Amino acid sequence: MNPDSKPHIASAEPLDGGVIIAFDDGRIGLYSAELLSRVFLEAKELFDKDVDGIEA
């Protein structure tokens, strides 16, 4: 990956208590729910009103 480029997610699917994330550069990783919970403070928190009409 070019160090100046930002990663782009190609797809994300829930699996076995985590999420499989595929990046557009071909890398794929299984992120556990525990890992995602630990980094949640770095995420932009959304609420029901924010996601109305967005397909999950």
N, C-alpha and C. Protein backbone atom coordinates (compact mmCIF):
# COMPACT_ATOMS: atom_id res chain seq x y z
N MET A 1 0.85 -1.19 0.00
CA MET A 1 0.00 0.00 0.00
C MET A 1 0.89 1.23 0.00
N ASN A 2 0.53 2.19 -0.77
CA ASN A 2 1.22 3.46 -0.80
C ASN A 2 1.04 4.14 0.56
N PRO A 3 2.11 4.54 1.22
CA PRO A 3 1.97 5.15 2.55
C PRO A 3 1.14 6.42 2.57
N ASP A 4 0.99 7.09 1.42
CA ASP A 4 0.20 8.32 1.36
C ASP A 4 -1.28 8.06 1.11
N SER A 5 -1.63 6.84 0.73
CA SER A 5 -3.04 6.55 0.41
C SER A 5 -3.76 6.02 1.65
N LYS A 6 -5.04 6.30 1.72
CA LYS A 6 -5.86 5.82 2.82
C LYS A 6 -6.45 4.47 2.42
N PRO A 7 -6.58 3.55 3.38
CA PRO A 7 -7.19 2.26 3.06
C PRO A 7 -8.68 2.44 2.75
N HIS A 8 -9.17 1.61 1.86
CA HIS A 8 -10.58 1.60 1.52
C HIS A 8 -11.14 0.21 1.75
N ILE A 9 -12.29 0.13 2.39
CA ILE A 9 -12.93 -1.15 2.67
C ILE A 9 -13.73 -1.57 1.45
N ALA A 10 -13.47 -2.79 0.98
CA ALA A 10 -14.21 -3.36 -0.15
C ALA A 10 -15.47 -4.06 0.33
N SER A 11 -15.37 -4.73 1.51
CA SER A 11 -16.55 -5.40 2.06
C SER A 11 -16.32 -5.68 3.54
N ALA A 12 -17.42 -5.89 4.26
CA ALA A 12 -17.38 -6.25 5.67
C ALA A 12 -18.57 -7.17 5.95
N GLU A 13 -18.28 -8.31 6.60
CA GLU A 13 -19.33 -9.29 6.89
C GLU A 13 -19.13 -9.83 8.30
N PRO A 14 -20.22 -9.94 9.08
CA PRO A 14 -20.08 -10.54 10.40
C PRO A 14 -19.77 -12.03 10.29
N LEU A 15 -18.94 -12.54 11.23
CA LEU A 15 -18.60 -13.97 11.25
C LEU A 15 -18.08 -14.35 12.62
N ASP A 16 -18.69 -15.34 13.24
CA ASP A 16 -18.19 -15.94 14.48
C ASP A 16 -17.77 -14.93 15.54
N GLY A 17 -18.62 -14.00 15.88
CA GLY A 17 -18.32 -13.05 16.95
C GLY A 17 -17.35 -11.97 16.55
N GLY A 18 -17.21 -11.75 15.25
CA GLY A 18 -16.32 -10.70 14.76
C GLY A 18 -16.78 -10.22 13.40
N VAL A 19 -15.89 -9.57 12.69
CA VAL A 19 -16.21 -9.04 11.36
C VAL A 19 -15.03 -9.32 10.44
N ILE A 20 -15.32 -9.89 9.28
CA ILE A 20 -14.29 -10.05 8.25
C ILE A 20 -14.30 -8.76 7.43
N ILE A 21 -13.15 -8.12 7.33
CA ILE A 21 -13.04 -6.89 6.54
C ILE A 21 -12.05 -7.13 5.41
N ALA A 22 -12.51 -6.86 4.19
CA ALA A 22 -11.65 -6.97 3.01
C ALA A 22 -11.35 -5.56 2.51
N PHE A 23 -10.07 -5.31 2.30
CA PHE A 23 -9.64 -4.01 1.80
C PHE A 23 -9.44 -4.09 0.28
N ASP A 24 -9.51 -2.94 -0.37
CA ASP A 24 -9.41 -2.93 -1.83
C ASP A 24 -8.03 -3.29 -2.35
N ASP A 25 -7.04 -3.39 -1.46
CA ASP A 25 -5.70 -3.81 -1.90
C ASP A 25 -5.52 -5.32 -1.78
N GLY A 26 -6.60 -6.04 -1.44
CA GLY A 26 -6.56 -7.49 -1.37
C GLY A 26 -6.35 -8.07 0.02
N ARG A 27 -6.02 -7.24 1.00
CA ARG A 27 -5.84 -7.74 2.36
C ARG A 27 -7.20 -8.00 2.99
N ILE A 28 -7.27 -9.09 3.77
CA ILE A 28 -8.50 -9.48 4.45
C ILE A 28 -8.14 -9.85 5.88
N GLY A 29 -8.94 -9.38 6.85
CA GLY A 29 -8.69 -9.71 8.24
C GLY A 29 -9.97 -10.00 8.99
N LEU A 30 -9.87 -10.88 10.00
CA LEU A 30 -10.97 -11.14 10.90
C LEU A 30 -10.72 -10.33 12.17
N TYR A 31 -11.59 -9.39 12.44
CA TYR A 31 -11.49 -8.50 13.60
C TYR A 31 -12.47 -9.01 14.65
N SER A 32 -11.98 -9.36 15.83
CA SER A 32 -12.85 -9.87 16.89
C SER A 32 -13.70 -8.74 17.47
N ALA A 33 -14.83 -9.14 18.04
CA ALA A 33 -15.69 -8.17 18.72
C ALA A 33 -14.94 -7.53 19.88
N GLU A 34 -14.08 -8.31 20.54
CA GLU A 34 -13.31 -7.77 21.66
C GLU A 34 -12.37 -6.66 21.19
N LEU A 35 -11.69 -6.88 20.07
CA LEU A 35 -10.80 -5.86 19.52
C LEU A 35 -11.57 -4.60 19.16
N LEU A 36 -12.67 -4.78 18.47
CA LEU A 36 -13.46 -3.62 18.04
C LEU A 36 -14.01 -2.86 19.24
N SER A 37 -14.39 -3.58 20.28
CA SER A 37 -14.89 -2.93 21.49
C SER A 37 -13.79 -2.10 22.15
N ARG A 38 -12.55 -2.62 22.15
CA ARG A 38 -11.44 -1.89 22.78
C ARG A 38 -11.11 -0.60 22.04
N VAL A 39 -11.30 -0.56 20.73
CA VAL A 39 -10.96 0.65 19.96
C VAL A 39 -12.19 1.53 19.69
N PHE A 40 -13.31 1.21 20.33
CA PHE A 40 -14.55 1.94 20.06
C PHE A 40 -14.42 3.44 20.34
N LEU A 41 -13.62 3.83 21.32
CA LEU A 41 -13.48 5.26 21.63
C LEU A 41 -12.89 6.05 20.47
N GLU A 42 -12.22 5.36 19.55
CA GLU A 42 -11.66 6.02 18.37
C GLU A 42 -12.67 6.12 17.23
N ALA A 43 -13.80 5.45 17.36
CA ALA A 43 -14.83 5.44 16.31
C ALA A 43 -15.75 6.64 16.46
N LYS A 44 -16.43 6.97 15.38
CA LYS A 44 -17.50 7.97 15.45
C LYS A 44 -18.76 7.21 15.83
N GLU A 45 -19.27 7.49 17.02
CA GLU A 45 -20.46 6.78 17.49
C GLU A 45 -21.68 7.26 16.72
N LEU A 46 -22.48 6.30 16.29
CA LEU A 46 -23.72 6.60 15.58
C LEU A 46 -24.90 6.15 16.43
N PHE A 47 -26.03 6.78 16.23
CA PHE A 47 -27.25 6.44 16.94
C PHE A 47 -28.31 6.08 15.91
N ASP A 48 -29.42 5.48 16.37
CA ASP A 48 -30.47 5.04 15.47
C ASP A 48 -30.87 6.11 14.46
N LYS A 49 -30.98 7.35 14.93
CA LYS A 49 -31.38 8.42 14.03
C LYS A 49 -30.35 8.66 12.93
N ASP A 50 -29.08 8.32 13.20
CA ASP A 50 -28.01 8.51 12.24
C ASP A 50 -28.01 7.46 11.14
N VAL A 51 -28.55 6.28 11.43
CA VAL A 51 -28.45 5.18 10.49
C VAL A 51 -29.78 4.81 9.84
N ASP A 52 -30.83 5.57 10.10
CA ASP A 52 -32.11 5.30 9.44
C ASP A 52 -31.93 5.34 7.94
N GLY A 53 -32.37 4.28 7.29
CA GLY A 53 -32.28 4.22 5.84
C GLY A 53 -30.95 3.72 5.31
N ILE A 54 -29.98 3.49 6.20
CA ILE A 54 -28.69 2.95 5.76
C ILE A 54 -28.75 1.44 5.89
N GLU A 55 -28.44 0.75 4.82
CA GLU A 55 -28.44 -0.70 4.82
C GLU A 55 -27.20 -1.21 5.54
N ALA A 56 -27.41 -2.07 6.53
CA ALA A 56 -26.27 -2.62 7.30
C ALA A 56 -25.68 -3.85 6.66
